[in-house]
Amino acid sequence: MKTKPVNKVLLSAALLLTSALGVASAGGAAAPTVGGSTGQIQAATPNSVAATLREAGYKVTVNPANPDEDPSLSVTAGDYDIDMWFSNCKSNVCTRVTASFYWDYSDDEDSLDVEVANEWNSNYYTQSYVYEGSYYLDATMIVAGGYTKTALKAWMTEYLDDVEAFEADLP
């Protein structure tokens, strides 16, 4: 039986690629590593999210647990006090985190314009709405299965950029 010669360039490239991706020698992909590095998967808990946001320079308070409410954080980012809450948590591991900021117009509710929110929603991924005399701007990050510190920090930066841009559009 005659065998075909092995293409050494392709074999070398395949070996390099599998080692760079961390493929296990048993033939399957290695499990994500949970830990401290920015590229490693972090457990999606309120405390781990708080620690990552603190690492990014934000002031973060983990709010006291209340059995009737989802876990939540209070985050100070410059001039903004952001409310964050977690959804679908089981054993303190959650699938979503939502950031929310609002502008109180209760003293001047006549200036509230739902069209400002609707126009925003047609152009951005953050969600704006008018509720009880205020404009709100929310963003949700899916953290089911964990998150990387880099992704969470980037999401927060993008959200705060949208907060500033939305504020500039308000009457």
N, C-alpha and C. Protein backbone atom coordinates (compact mmCIF):
# COMPACT_ATOMS: atom_id res chain seq x y z
N MET A 1 0.84 -1.16 0.00
CA MET A 1 0.00 0.00 0.00
C MET A 1 0.89 1.23 0.00
N LYS A 2 0.56 2.18 -0.86
CA LYS A 2 1.32 3.40 -1.00
C LYS A 2 0.63 4.52 -0.22
N THR A 3 1.41 5.29 0.56
CA THR A 3 0.83 6.41 1.30
C THR A 3 1.21 7.71 0.63
N LYS A 4 0.37 8.72 0.81
CA LYS A 4 0.63 10.04 0.26
C LYS A 4 1.58 10.78 1.18
N PRO A 5 2.47 11.60 0.62
CA PRO A 5 3.36 12.37 1.49
C PRO A 5 2.55 13.43 2.27
N VAL A 6 2.97 13.73 3.49
CA VAL A 6 2.31 14.71 4.34
C VAL A 6 2.79 16.09 3.94
N ASN A 7 1.85 17.00 3.77
CA ASN A 7 2.20 18.39 3.48
C ASN A 7 2.66 19.01 4.79
N LYS A 8 3.99 19.17 4.95
CA LYS A 8 4.56 19.64 6.21
C LYS A 8 4.13 21.06 6.56
N VAL A 9 3.89 21.90 5.56
CA VAL A 9 3.46 23.27 5.83
C VAL A 9 2.06 23.26 6.44
N LEU A 10 1.15 22.48 5.85
CA LEU A 10 -0.20 22.40 6.40
C LEU A 10 -0.20 21.75 7.78
N LEU A 11 0.60 20.72 7.97
CA LEU A 11 0.66 20.06 9.27
C LEU A 11 1.19 21.02 10.33
N SER A 12 2.23 21.77 10.01
CA SER A 12 2.79 22.74 10.96
C SER A 12 1.76 23.82 11.29
N ALA A 13 1.05 24.31 10.29
CA ALA A 13 0.03 25.33 10.52
C ALA A 13 -1.08 24.79 11.41
N ALA A 14 -1.50 23.56 11.17
CA ALA A 14 -2.56 22.96 11.98
C ALA A 14 -2.12 22.78 13.42
N LEU A 15 -0.89 22.32 13.64
CA LEU A 15 -0.38 22.16 15.00
C LEU A 15 -0.26 23.50 15.71
N LEU A 16 0.21 24.51 15.01
CA LEU A 16 0.32 25.84 15.59
C LEU A 16 -1.05 26.39 15.98
N LEU A 17 -2.02 26.22 15.08
CA LEU A 17 -3.37 26.71 15.34
C LEU A 17 -4.00 26.01 16.53
N THR A 18 -3.87 24.68 16.59
CA THR A 18 -4.49 23.97 17.72
C THR A 18 -3.83 24.32 19.03
N SER A 19 -2.52 24.53 19.04
CA SER A 19 -1.88 24.91 20.30
C SER A 19 -2.25 26.33 20.69
N ALA A 20 -2.41 27.23 19.72
CA ALA A 20 -2.80 28.61 20.03
C ALA A 20 -4.22 28.68 20.56
N LEU A 21 -5.08 27.80 20.08
CA LEU A 21 -6.47 27.80 20.53
C LEU A 21 -6.66 27.00 21.81
N GLY A 22 -5.63 26.28 22.22
CA GLY A 22 -5.74 25.52 23.47
C GLY A 22 -6.57 24.28 23.34
N VAL A 23 -6.54 23.62 22.19
CA VAL A 23 -7.32 22.41 22.00
C VAL A 23 -6.70 21.29 22.81
N ALA A 24 -7.51 20.57 23.54
CA ALA A 24 -7.04 19.48 24.37
C ALA A 24 -6.52 18.34 23.51
N SER A 25 -5.55 17.60 24.04
CA SER A 25 -4.96 16.52 23.26
C SER A 25 -5.96 15.39 23.03
N ALA A 26 -7.02 15.32 23.79
CA ALA A 26 -8.02 14.29 23.59
C ALA A 26 -8.89 14.57 22.38
N GLY A 27 -8.70 15.72 21.72
CA GLY A 27 -9.43 16.00 20.51
C GLY A 27 -10.54 17.01 20.66
N GLY A 28 -10.90 17.38 21.87
CA GLY A 28 -11.97 18.36 22.07
C GLY A 28 -11.41 19.70 22.46
N ALA A 29 -12.24 20.70 22.40
CA ALA A 29 -11.81 22.05 22.80
C ALA A 29 -11.66 22.09 24.31
N ALA A 30 -10.63 22.79 24.75
CA ALA A 30 -10.42 22.94 26.18
C ALA A 30 -11.54 23.77 26.79
N ALA A 31 -11.90 23.48 28.01
CA ALA A 31 -12.94 24.26 28.70
C ALA A 31 -12.40 25.65 28.99
N PRO A 32 -13.27 26.66 28.95
CA PRO A 32 -12.82 28.02 29.28
C PRO A 32 -12.26 28.04 30.71
N THR A 33 -11.25 28.84 30.90
CA THR A 33 -10.62 28.97 32.21
C THR A 33 -11.29 30.09 32.98
N VAL A 34 -11.76 29.79 34.17
CA VAL A 34 -12.35 30.81 35.03
C VAL A 34 -11.22 31.38 35.87
N GLY A 35 -11.13 32.71 35.89
CA GLY A 35 -10.05 33.29 36.67
C GLY A 35 -9.93 34.78 36.51
N GLY A 36 -8.76 35.30 36.83
CA GLY A 36 -8.55 36.73 36.92
C GLY A 36 -8.17 37.45 35.65
N SER A 37 -7.60 36.80 34.67
CA SER A 37 -7.13 37.49 33.47
C SER A 37 -8.28 38.09 32.70
N THR A 38 -8.00 39.18 31.98
CA THR A 38 -9.06 39.87 31.25
C THR A 38 -9.66 39.01 30.15
N GLY A 39 -8.92 38.02 29.64
CA GLY A 39 -9.44 37.17 28.58
C GLY A 39 -10.09 35.91 29.08
N GLN A 40 -9.99 35.63 30.37
CA GLN A 40 -10.57 34.41 30.92
C GLN A 40 -12.03 34.64 31.27
N ILE A 41 -12.79 33.57 31.22
CA ILE A 41 -14.22 33.64 31.53
C ILE A 41 -14.41 33.85 33.03
N GLN A 42 -15.23 34.83 33.38
CA GLN A 42 -15.56 35.14 34.76
C GLN A 42 -16.95 34.61 35.08
N ALA A 43 -17.15 34.15 36.29
CA ALA A 43 -18.48 33.72 36.72
C ALA A 43 -19.39 34.95 36.75
N ALA A 44 -20.60 34.80 36.29
CA ALA A 44 -21.54 35.92 36.18
C ALA A 44 -22.29 36.13 37.50
N THR A 45 -21.56 36.60 38.50
CA THR A 45 -22.15 36.89 39.80
C THR A 45 -22.09 38.39 40.05
N PRO A 46 -22.96 38.90 40.89
CA PRO A 46 -22.89 40.33 41.23
C PRO A 46 -21.53 40.74 41.77
N ASN A 47 -20.91 39.91 42.61
CA ASN A 47 -19.61 40.27 43.18
C ASN A 47 -18.51 40.30 42.13
N SER A 48 -18.53 39.37 41.17
CA SER A 48 -17.48 39.37 40.15
C SER A 48 -17.65 40.56 39.21
N VAL A 49 -18.89 40.91 38.87
CA VAL A 49 -19.14 42.08 38.02
C VAL A 49 -18.70 43.35 38.76
N ALA A 50 -19.03 43.43 40.05
CA ALA A 50 -18.62 44.59 40.85
C ALA A 50 -17.10 44.71 40.87
N ALA A 51 -16.40 43.60 41.07
CA ALA A 51 -14.93 43.63 41.12
C ALA A 51 -14.34 44.09 39.79
N THR A 52 -14.91 43.62 38.68
CA THR A 52 -14.42 44.01 37.36
C THR A 52 -14.65 45.50 37.12
N LEU A 53 -15.80 46.00 37.51
CA LEU A 53 -16.08 47.43 37.32
C LEU A 53 -15.20 48.29 38.23
N ARG A 54 -14.92 47.82 39.43
CA ARG A 54 -13.98 48.54 40.31
C ARG A 54 -12.60 48.58 39.68
N GLU A 55 -12.19 47.46 39.12
CA GLU A 55 -10.89 47.37 38.45
C GLU A 55 -10.81 48.38 37.30
N ALA A 56 -11.94 48.67 36.68
CA ALA A 56 -11.99 49.63 35.57
C ALA A 56 -12.03 51.07 36.08
N GLY A 57 -12.10 51.27 37.40
CA GLY A 57 -12.05 52.62 37.96
C GLY A 57 -13.37 53.20 38.41
N TYR A 58 -14.43 52.40 38.37
CA TYR A 58 -15.74 52.88 38.81
C TYR A 58 -15.91 52.62 40.31
N LYS A 59 -16.70 53.46 40.96
CA LYS A 59 -17.07 53.23 42.36
C LYS A 59 -18.31 52.35 42.34
N VAL A 60 -18.24 51.21 43.00
CA VAL A 60 -19.32 50.22 42.93
C VAL A 60 -19.74 49.79 44.33
N THR A 61 -21.05 49.77 44.54
CA THR A 61 -21.62 49.26 45.78
C THR A 61 -22.52 48.08 45.43
N VAL A 62 -22.29 46.95 46.08
CA VAL A 62 -23.20 45.82 45.94
C VAL A 62 -24.32 46.08 46.92
N ASN A 63 -25.52 46.23 46.39
CA ASN A 63 -26.67 46.55 47.25
C ASN A 63 -27.06 45.35 48.10
N PRO A 64 -27.58 45.60 49.32
CA PRO A 64 -27.98 44.49 50.20
C PRO A 64 -28.98 43.57 49.50
N ALA A 65 -28.83 42.30 49.75
CA ALA A 65 -29.73 41.31 49.15
C ALA A 65 -31.13 41.47 49.71
N ASN A 66 -32.09 41.34 48.82
CA ASN A 66 -33.50 41.38 49.19
C ASN A 66 -34.16 40.20 48.49
N PRO A 67 -34.78 39.29 49.25
CA PRO A 67 -35.34 38.09 48.63
C PRO A 67 -36.44 38.38 47.60
N ASP A 68 -37.04 39.57 47.64
CA ASP A 68 -38.12 39.90 46.71
C ASP A 68 -37.61 40.64 45.46
N GLU A 69 -36.30 40.87 45.36
CA GLU A 69 -35.75 41.63 44.24
C GLU A 69 -34.53 40.94 43.66
N ASP A 70 -34.23 41.27 42.40
CA ASP A 70 -33.01 40.78 41.77
C ASP A 70 -31.81 41.44 42.42
N PRO A 71 -30.65 40.78 42.43
CA PRO A 71 -29.45 41.41 42.95
C PRO A 71 -29.15 42.68 42.16
N SER A 72 -28.53 43.68 42.82
CA SER A 72 -28.27 44.93 42.13
C SER A 72 -26.99 45.60 42.64
N LEU A 73 -26.50 46.53 41.82
CA LEU A 73 -25.32 47.32 42.13
C LEU A 73 -25.66 48.78 41.93
N SER A 74 -24.94 49.64 42.62
CA SER A 74 -24.96 51.08 42.35
C SER A 74 -23.55 51.42 41.87
N VAL A 75 -23.46 52.04 40.69
CA VAL A 75 -22.18 52.33 40.08
C VAL A 75 -22.07 53.83 39.83
N THR A 76 -20.99 54.42 40.31
CA THR A 76 -20.72 55.83 40.04
C THR A 76 -19.64 55.89 38.97
N ALA A 77 -19.98 56.57 37.87
CA ALA A 77 -19.06 56.73 36.75
C ALA A 77 -19.03 58.21 36.41
N GLY A 78 -18.05 58.92 36.94
CA GLY A 78 -18.00 60.37 36.73
C GLY A 78 -19.20 61.03 37.38
N ASP A 79 -19.97 61.77 36.57
CA ASP A 79 -21.16 62.46 37.08
C ASP A 79 -22.41 61.59 37.09
N TYR A 80 -22.30 60.34 36.69
CA TYR A 80 -23.47 59.48 36.55
C TYR A 80 -23.53 58.42 37.65
N ASP A 81 -24.71 58.29 38.25
CA ASP A 81 -24.98 57.21 39.20
C ASP A 81 -25.87 56.20 38.49
N ILE A 82 -25.27 55.11 38.11
CA ILE A 82 -25.93 54.08 37.30
C ILE A 82 -26.50 53.01 38.21
N ASP A 83 -27.74 52.60 37.95
CA ASP A 83 -28.33 51.45 38.63
C ASP A 83 -28.07 50.23 37.76
N MET A 84 -27.64 49.14 38.37
CA MET A 84 -27.44 47.88 37.64
C MET A 84 -28.17 46.78 38.40
N TRP A 85 -28.82 45.91 37.65
CA TRP A 85 -29.45 44.77 38.28
C TRP A 85 -29.23 43.54 37.42
N PHE A 86 -29.37 42.40 38.07
CA PHE A 86 -29.12 41.11 37.44
C PHE A 86 -30.43 40.37 37.27
N SER A 87 -30.48 39.52 36.25
CA SER A 87 -31.71 38.77 35.97
C SER A 87 -31.42 37.28 35.88
N ASN A 88 -32.47 36.52 36.18
CA ASN A 88 -32.45 35.07 36.04
C ASN A 88 -31.26 34.46 36.80
N CYS A 89 -31.16 34.80 38.06
CA CYS A 89 -30.06 34.30 38.89
C CYS A 89 -30.47 33.02 39.60
N LYS A 90 -29.56 32.06 39.56
CA LYS A 90 -29.74 30.81 40.31
C LYS A 90 -28.44 30.54 41.04
N SER A 91 -28.53 30.37 42.35
CA SER A 91 -27.34 30.18 43.19
C SER A 91 -26.35 31.31 42.98
N ASN A 92 -26.86 32.53 42.84
CA ASN A 92 -26.08 33.75 42.70
C ASN A 92 -25.33 33.87 41.37
N VAL A 93 -25.60 33.00 40.41
CA VAL A 93 -25.03 33.10 39.07
C VAL A 93 -26.16 33.54 38.15
N CYS A 94 -25.91 34.61 37.37
CA CYS A 94 -26.98 35.26 36.62
C CYS A 94 -26.76 35.15 35.11
N THR A 95 -27.82 35.41 34.34
CA THR A 95 -27.71 35.33 32.89
C THR A 95 -27.67 36.69 32.20
N ARG A 96 -28.07 37.75 32.91
CA ARG A 96 -28.09 39.09 32.33
C ARG A 96 -27.75 40.13 33.38
N VAL A 97 -27.13 41.22 32.91
CA VAL A 97 -26.92 42.39 33.75
C VAL A 97 -27.42 43.60 32.96
N THR A 98 -28.20 44.45 33.61
CA THR A 98 -28.76 45.63 32.96
C THR A 98 -28.27 46.88 33.67
N ALA A 99 -27.85 47.86 32.88
CA ALA A 99 -27.45 49.18 33.39
C ALA A 99 -28.56 50.16 33.04
N SER A 100 -28.87 51.07 33.96
CA SER A 100 -29.94 52.03 33.73
C SER A 100 -29.58 53.39 34.35
N PHE A 101 -29.88 54.44 33.60
CA PHE A 101 -29.70 55.79 34.09
C PHE A 101 -30.94 56.58 33.70
N TYR A 102 -31.31 57.58 34.51
CA TYR A 102 -32.50 58.37 34.18
C TYR A 102 -32.26 59.85 34.42
N TRP A 103 -33.04 60.64 33.71
CA TRP A 103 -33.04 62.09 33.85
C TRP A 103 -34.43 62.49 34.34
N ASP A 104 -34.51 63.10 35.51
CA ASP A 104 -35.77 63.45 36.14
C ASP A 104 -36.31 64.76 35.56
N TYR A 105 -37.48 64.66 34.92
CA TYR A 105 -38.18 65.82 34.38
C TYR A 105 -39.51 66.03 35.09
N SER A 106 -39.63 65.49 36.32
CA SER A 106 -40.91 65.56 37.02
C SER A 106 -41.35 67.00 37.29
N ASP A 107 -40.39 67.94 37.36
CA ASP A 107 -40.73 69.35 37.56
C ASP A 107 -41.18 70.03 36.27
N ASP A 108 -40.94 69.37 35.14
CA ASP A 108 -41.27 69.95 33.84
C ASP A 108 -41.75 68.85 32.89
N GLU A 109 -42.75 68.09 33.33
CA GLU A 109 -43.22 66.94 32.54
C GLU A 109 -43.75 67.33 31.17
N ASP A 110 -44.15 68.60 30.99
CA ASP A 110 -44.63 69.04 29.68
C ASP A 110 -43.53 69.00 28.62
N SER A 111 -42.28 69.05 29.04
CA SER A 111 -41.19 69.01 28.07
C SER A 111 -40.79 67.58 27.69
N LEU A 112 -41.36 66.58 28.37
CA LEU A 112 -41.08 65.19 27.98
C LEU A 112 -41.63 64.92 26.59
N ASP A 113 -40.81 64.28 25.76
CA ASP A 113 -41.20 64.02 24.38
C ASP A 113 -40.86 62.57 24.03
N VAL A 114 -41.89 61.75 23.93
CA VAL A 114 -41.69 60.33 23.62
C VAL A 114 -40.96 60.17 22.29
N GLU A 115 -41.13 61.11 21.38
CA GLU A 115 -40.47 61.02 20.08
C GLU A 115 -38.94 61.07 20.22
N VAL A 116 -38.43 61.76 21.24
CA VAL A 116 -36.98 61.76 21.50
C VAL A 116 -36.52 60.33 21.76
N ALA A 117 -37.27 59.61 22.61
CA ALA A 117 -36.94 58.22 22.91
C ALA A 117 -37.10 57.34 21.67
N ASN A 118 -38.18 57.51 20.95
CA ASN A 118 -38.40 56.68 19.75
C ASN A 118 -37.33 56.91 18.70
N GLU A 119 -36.95 58.14 18.49
CA GLU A 119 -35.89 58.45 17.52
C GLU A 119 -34.58 57.78 17.94
N TRP A 120 -34.26 57.87 19.21
CA TRP A 120 -33.05 57.23 19.73
C TRP A 120 -33.08 55.73 19.47
N ASN A 121 -34.20 55.11 19.77
CA ASN A 121 -34.32 53.65 19.64
C ASN A 121 -34.18 53.18 18.20
N SER A 122 -34.43 54.04 17.24
CA SER A 122 -34.28 53.64 15.84
C SER A 122 -32.83 53.66 15.37
N ASN A 123 -31.93 54.22 16.19
CA ASN A 123 -30.53 54.35 15.76
C ASN A 123 -29.51 53.72 16.70
N TYR A 124 -29.90 53.30 17.89
CA TYR A 124 -28.95 52.81 18.88
C TYR A 124 -29.41 51.48 19.47
N TYR A 125 -28.47 50.74 20.06
CA TYR A 125 -28.80 49.47 20.70
C TYR A 125 -29.27 49.65 22.13
N THR A 126 -28.91 50.77 22.78
CA THR A 126 -29.45 51.03 24.10
C THR A 126 -30.92 51.38 23.95
N GLN A 127 -31.69 51.15 24.99
CA GLN A 127 -33.14 51.37 24.93
C GLN A 127 -33.51 52.60 25.76
N SER A 128 -34.19 53.54 25.12
CA SER A 128 -34.67 54.72 25.84
C SER A 128 -36.19 54.63 25.97
N TYR A 129 -36.68 55.23 27.04
CA TYR A 129 -38.13 55.29 27.23
C TYR A 129 -38.46 56.39 28.23
N VAL A 130 -39.72 56.79 28.25
CA VAL A 130 -40.22 57.78 29.17
C VAL A 130 -41.11 57.05 30.18
N TYR A 131 -40.86 57.31 31.46
CA TYR A 131 -41.63 56.63 32.50
C TYR A 131 -41.69 57.52 33.74
N GLU A 132 -42.88 57.75 34.24
CA GLU A 132 -43.13 58.51 35.47
C GLU A 132 -42.29 59.80 35.56
N GLY A 133 -42.38 60.63 34.53
CA GLY A 133 -41.74 61.93 34.55
C GLY A 133 -40.24 61.95 34.31
N SER A 134 -39.71 60.87 33.76
CA SER A 134 -38.27 60.80 33.52
C SER A 134 -37.98 60.12 32.18
N TYR A 135 -36.83 60.47 31.63
CA TYR A 135 -36.26 59.73 30.50
C TYR A 135 -35.33 58.67 31.09
N TYR A 136 -35.36 57.48 30.52
CA TYR A 136 -34.47 56.39 30.94
C TYR A 136 -33.66 55.92 29.74
N LEU A 137 -32.45 55.42 30.04
CA LEU A 137 -31.63 54.78 29.02
C LEU A 137 -31.06 53.50 29.64
N ASP A 138 -31.39 52.36 29.05
CA ASP A 138 -30.98 51.05 29.57
C ASP A 138 -30.15 50.29 28.54
N ALA A 139 -29.31 49.41 29.05
CA ALA A 139 -28.56 48.47 28.20
C ALA A 139 -28.44 47.16 28.97
N THR A 140 -28.57 46.06 28.27
CA THR A 140 -28.46 44.74 28.89
C THR A 140 -27.34 43.96 28.21
N MET A 141 -26.52 43.31 29.03
CA MET A 141 -25.46 42.44 28.54
C MET A 141 -25.80 41.02 28.95
N ILE A 142 -25.77 40.12 27.99
CA ILE A 142 -25.98 38.71 28.29
C ILE A 142 -24.69 38.17 28.91
N VAL A 143 -24.80 37.60 30.11
CA VAL A 143 -23.63 37.05 30.79
C VAL A 143 -23.81 35.56 31.08
N ALA A 144 -24.81 34.95 30.43
CA ALA A 144 -25.04 33.51 30.61
C ALA A 144 -23.78 32.76 30.21
N GLY A 145 -23.32 31.88 31.08
CA GLY A 145 -22.10 31.14 30.79
C GLY A 145 -20.84 31.88 31.16
N GLY A 146 -20.97 33.11 31.66
CA GLY A 146 -19.82 33.91 32.07
C GLY A 146 -19.54 35.04 31.10
N TYR A 147 -18.50 35.79 31.41
CA TYR A 147 -18.12 36.94 30.59
C TYR A 147 -16.62 37.14 30.74
N THR A 148 -16.04 37.93 29.84
CA THR A 148 -14.64 38.31 30.03
C THR A 148 -14.63 39.73 30.60
N LYS A 149 -13.57 40.03 31.35
CA LYS A 149 -13.44 41.37 31.90
C LYS A 149 -13.36 42.40 30.78
N THR A 150 -12.66 42.05 29.72
CA THR A 150 -12.52 42.97 28.59
C THR A 150 -13.89 43.30 27.99
N ALA A 151 -14.73 42.28 27.81
CA ALA A 151 -16.06 42.50 27.23
C ALA A 151 -16.93 43.36 28.15
N LEU A 152 -16.92 43.08 29.45
CA LEU A 152 -17.74 43.84 30.39
C LEU A 152 -17.30 45.30 30.43
N LYS A 153 -16.00 45.53 30.49
CA LYS A 153 -15.49 46.90 30.52
C LYS A 153 -15.84 47.65 29.24
N ALA A 154 -15.73 46.98 28.10
CA ALA A 154 -16.08 47.62 26.82
C ALA A 154 -17.57 47.93 26.78
N TRP A 155 -18.41 47.01 27.25
CA TRP A 155 -19.86 47.23 27.28
C TRP A 155 -20.18 48.46 28.13
N MET A 156 -19.54 48.58 29.30
CA MET A 156 -19.80 49.72 30.18
C MET A 156 -19.34 51.02 29.53
N THR A 157 -18.19 51.01 28.88
CA THR A 157 -17.70 52.20 28.18
C THR A 157 -18.67 52.63 27.09
N GLU A 158 -19.15 51.68 26.30
CA GLU A 158 -20.11 51.99 25.23
C GLU A 158 -21.42 52.52 25.81
N TYR A 159 -21.87 51.91 26.90
CA TYR A 159 -23.10 52.38 27.54
C TYR A 159 -22.94 53.83 28.00
N LEU A 160 -21.84 54.14 28.66
CA LEU A 160 -21.63 55.51 29.14
C LEU A 160 -21.50 56.49 27.98
N ASP A 161 -20.92 56.07 26.87
CA ASP A 161 -20.87 56.92 25.67
C ASP A 161 -22.29 57.23 25.19
N ASP A 162 -23.15 56.21 25.22
CA ASP A 162 -24.55 56.41 24.81
C ASP A 162 -25.28 57.31 25.81
N VAL A 163 -25.00 57.17 27.10
CA VAL A 163 -25.63 58.05 28.10
C VAL A 163 -25.31 59.50 27.79
N GLU A 164 -24.05 59.78 27.51
CA GLU A 164 -23.65 61.16 27.18
C GLU A 164 -24.31 61.65 25.89
N ALA A 165 -24.37 60.79 24.88
CA ALA A 165 -24.98 61.18 23.61
C ALA A 165 -26.48 61.38 23.77
N PHE A 166 -27.15 60.51 24.53
CA PHE A 166 -28.59 60.68 24.74
C PHE A 166 -28.88 61.95 25.51
N GLU A 167 -28.06 62.22 26.52
CA GLU A 167 -28.24 63.44 27.32
C GLU A 167 -28.13 64.68 26.44
N ALA A 168 -27.24 64.65 25.47
CA ALA A 168 -27.08 65.79 24.56
C ALA A 168 -28.30 66.00 23.67
N ASP A 169 -29.09 64.94 23.46
CA ASP A 169 -30.31 65.03 22.64
C ASP A 169 -31.54 65.45 23.42
N LEU A 170 -31.45 65.50 24.74
CA LEU A 170 -32.63 65.83 25.55
C LEU A 170 -32.97 67.33 25.47
N PRO A 171 -34.28 67.59 25.57
CA PRO A 171 -34.70 69.01 25.51
C PRO A 171 -34.27 69.78 26.77
